Amino acid sequence: MAQPVVVVTDVQERLFGAMDAERRDEMVRNLKILLPAARRLGIPVVVTEQYPKGLGRTLPELRVLLDDAAALEKTAFSACGASGFAERLRELDASPVILTGIEAHVCVLLTALDLLARGLRVSIIADAVCSRRVPSTELGLAQARQAGAVVTSTETVVFQLLGSADTEAFREISKLLK
């Protein structure tokens, strides 16, 4: 049975510092909402790291929210080029694939385009991605939207995943959104 899967793309120590400061801070704030919500709702999270030997590992403040999810290392810009990525999404029967991370106009976009070409539904959380420059982020999101991805927000995705306000999960997760 199809289930949503969150993908955290290349939010790595050395790469992070080069990103637009305002957007990167907003991205991390939103991932600190999305990742606990995904955990609470049992939604799988897949993590990628672009050339970690050179760019470092996933940010420590996010790693602690990932429940030991092993990062898939890659050198291809699209996560679909990472060994085990496509297989993992197939195993999970991922739909939609919810993309977050760095950089919106390169690795996030190219992953989205590859996933769309494979017939998967793709959502990109606009306030949980960034690039070195704001115009690059905007162009990456626009191209993804033109190709058929849904461009959305963290809060929208969290409420979609919750589905209803009359649950214990809603009471727990809504505290993250304040």
Protein backbone atom coordinates (compact mmCIF):
# COMPACT_ATOMS: atom_id res chain seq x y z
CA MET A 1 0.00 0.00 0.00
CA ALA A 2 1.46 3.34 -1.06
CA GLN A 3 2.72 5.59 1.71
CA PRO A 4 4.38 9.00 1.84
CA VAL A 5 8.15 9.01 2.30
CA VAL A 6 10.22 12.04 3.32
CA VAL A 7 13.61 12.47 1.65
CA VAL A 8 16.22 14.72 3.31
CA THR A 9 18.69 15.64 0.58
CA ASP A 10 22.28 16.56 1.43
CA VAL A 11 21.78 18.81 4.48
CA GLN A 12 25.46 18.50 5.33
CA GLU A 13 27.88 20.39 7.54
CA ARG A 14 30.21 21.93 4.93
CA LEU A 15 27.50 22.45 2.32
CA PHE A 16 25.14 24.13 4.79
CA GLY A 17 27.45 27.06 5.49
CA ALA A 18 27.45 28.08 1.82
CA MET A 19 23.65 28.37 1.64
CA ASP A 20 21.65 31.61 1.78
CA ALA A 21 21.64 32.30 5.54
CA GLU A 22 17.96 33.21 5.92
CA ARG A 23 16.68 30.31 3.81
CA ARG A 24 18.97 27.73 5.44
CA ASP A 25 17.83 28.69 8.93
CA GLU A 26 14.18 28.49 7.85
CA MET A 27 14.87 25.11 6.24
CA VAL A 28 16.34 23.68 9.47
CA ARG A 29 13.48 25.14 11.55
CA ASN A 30 10.99 23.40 9.27
CA LEU A 31 12.89 20.11 9.23
CA LYS A 32 12.77 20.22 13.04
CA ILE A 33 8.97 20.21 12.67
CA LEU A 34 8.69 17.74 9.80
CA LEU A 35 11.05 15.04 11.07
CA PRO A 36 9.45 14.61 14.53
CA ALA A 37 6.02 14.67 12.87
CA ALA A 38 7.10 11.95 10.44
CA ARG A 39 8.48 9.88 13.31
CA ARG A 40 5.29 10.25 15.34
CA LEU A 41 3.15 9.26 12.33
CA GLY A 42 5.38 6.34 11.30
CA ILE A 43 6.34 7.92 7.98
CA PRO A 44 9.67 6.65 6.67
CA VAL A 45 12.55 9.09 6.15
CA VAL A 46 15.36 8.51 3.64
CA VAL A 47 18.53 10.60 3.97
CA THR A 48 21.16 11.27 1.31
CA GLU A 49 24.64 12.77 1.60
CA GLN A 50 26.57 14.15 -1.37
CA TYR A 51 30.22 13.12 -1.17
CA PRO A 52 30.34 13.15 2.66
CA LYS A 53 34.14 12.77 2.74
CA GLY A 54 34.40 16.27 1.29
CA LEU A 55 31.13 17.89 2.38
CA GLY A 56 30.68 16.41 5.84
CA ARG A 57 27.76 14.51 7.31
CA THR A 58 24.14 15.49 7.89
CA LEU A 59 23.85 18.33 10.41
CA PRO A 60 24.07 16.95 13.97
CA GLU A 61 20.86 18.73 15.05
CA LEU A 62 19.00 16.84 12.32
CA ARG A 63 20.81 13.52 12.80
CA VAL A 64 19.39 13.25 16.31
CA LEU A 65 15.87 13.41 14.82
CA LEU A 66 16.51 10.63 12.29
CA ASP A 67 16.40 7.55 14.53
CA ASP A 68 19.63 6.04 13.21
CA ALA A 69 18.50 6.27 9.57
CA ALA A 70 21.70 5.50 7.65
CA ALA A 71 22.45 8.11 5.02
CA LEU A 72 22.79 6.92 1.44
CA GLU A 73 26.06 8.29 0.09
CA LYS A 74 26.09 9.62 -3.45
CA THR A 75 28.17 11.44 -5.99
CA ALA A 76 25.38 11.71 -8.59
CA PHE A 77 23.41 14.92 -8.18
CA SER A 78 20.07 13.10 -8.35
CA ALA A 79 19.42 10.85 -5.36
CA CYS A 80 18.18 8.30 -7.90
CA GLY A 81 21.86 7.79 -8.71
CA ALA A 82 22.64 6.75 -5.11
CA SER A 83 23.10 3.05 -4.59
CA GLY A 84 19.99 1.68 -2.90
CA PHE A 85 17.84 4.82 -3.19
CA ALA A 86 15.41 3.67 -5.89
CA GLU A 87 15.21 0.23 -4.28
CA ARG A 88 14.40 1.76 -0.89
CA LEU A 89 11.57 3.83 -2.37
CA ARG A 90 10.22 0.71 -4.12
CA GLU A 91 10.37 -1.31 -0.88
CA LEU A 92 8.44 1.43 0.89
CA ASP A 93 5.94 1.78 -2.00
CA ALA A 94 6.61 5.51 -1.77
CA SER A 95 3.89 7.87 -2.94
CA PRO A 96 4.24 10.74 -2.74
CA VAL A 97 7.96 11.27 -2.28
CA ILE A 98 8.30 14.43 -0.18
CA LEU A 99 11.58 16.19 -0.96
CA THR A 100 13.52 18.55 1.29
CA GLY A 101 17.13 19.70 1.43
CA ILE A 102 20.03 21.25 -0.45
CA GLU A 103 20.30 22.58 -3.16
CA ALA A 104 16.84 23.30 -4.51
CA HIS A 105 18.01 23.89 -8.08
CA VAL A 106 20.47 20.98 -8.28
CA CYS A 107 20.12 17.82 -6.17
CA VAL A 108 16.52 18.39 -5.07
CA LEU A 109 15.38 19.37 -8.57
CA LEU A 110 17.25 16.59 -10.37
CA THR A 111 15.91 14.03 -7.90
CA ALA A 112 12.38 15.35 -8.48
CA LEU A 113 12.77 15.17 -12.26
CA ASP A 114 14.09 11.60 -12.11
CA LEU A 115 11.29 10.50 -9.78
CA LEU A 116 8.64 12.13 -11.97
CA ALA A 117 10.12 10.42 -15.04
CA ARG A 118 9.67 7.11 -13.19
CA GLY A 119 5.99 7.85 -12.67
CA LEU A 120 6.16 8.73 -8.96
CA ARG A 121 4.21 11.55 -7.34
CA VAL A 122 6.56 14.18 -5.94
CA SER A 123 6.06 17.02 -3.48
CA ILE A 124 8.77 19.55 -2.67
CA ILE A 125 8.51 21.47 0.57
CA ALA A 126 9.47 24.99 -0.53
CA ASP A 127 10.27 26.21 2.98
CA ALA A 128 12.42 23.12 3.67
CA VAL A 129 14.81 23.52 0.72
CA CYS A 130 17.46 26.11 -0.07
CA SER A 131 20.30 26.99 -2.41
CA ARG A 132 23.30 29.29 -2.17
CA ARG A 133 21.25 32.10 -3.74
CA VAL A 134 17.51 32.81 -3.44
CA PRO A 135 16.95 33.15 -7.21
CA SER A 136 18.39 29.65 -7.69
CA THR A 137 15.92 28.27 -5.12
CA GLU A 138 13.03 29.98 -6.86
CA LEU A 139 14.09 28.76 -10.31
CA GLY A 140 14.54 25.19 -9.06
CA LEU A 141 11.06 25.19 -7.52
CA ALA A 142 9.53 26.70 -10.66
CA GLN A 143 11.14 24.09 -12.90
CA ALA A 144 10.00 21.27 -10.61
CA ARG A 145 6.44 22.65 -10.65
CA GLN A 146 6.50 22.88 -14.46
CA ALA A 147 7.58 19.23 -14.60
CA GLY A 148 4.67 18.15 -12.42
CA ALA A 149 5.90 18.25 -8.82
CA VAL A 150 3.65 19.74 -6.16
CA VAL A 151 5.39 22.64 -4.42
CA THR A 152 4.05 23.06 -0.91
CA SER A 153 4.93 24.10 2.66
CA THR A 154 5.95 22.27 5.81
CA GLU A 155 2.75 23.15 7.61
CA THR A 156 0.56 22.02 4.70
CA VAL A 157 2.35 18.66 4.51
CA VAL A 158 2.13 18.11 8.27
CA PHE A 159 -1.62 18.82 8.29
CA GLN A 160 -2.12 16.60 5.21
CA LEU A 161 -0.30 13.76 6.96
CA LEU A 162 -2.32 14.29 10.14
CA GLY A 163 -5.64 14.40 8.29
CA SER A 164 -7.69 15.31 11.36
CA ALA A 165 -7.53 17.37 14.55
CA ASP A 166 -9.24 14.82 16.78
CA THR A 167 -6.22 12.63 17.43
CA GLU A 168 -3.48 12.37 20.04
CA ALA A 169 -0.93 12.73 17.20
CA PHE A 170 -2.46 16.12 16.28
CA ARG A 171 -2.26 17.30 19.89
CA GLU A 172 1.43 16.31 20.06
CA ILE A 173 2.48 17.58 16.64
CA SER A 174 0.53 20.86 16.80
CA LYS A 175 2.87 21.94 19.63
CA LEU A 176 5.74 21.89 17.11
CA LEU A 177 3.88 24.35 14.87
CA LYS A 178 3.53 27.12 17.45
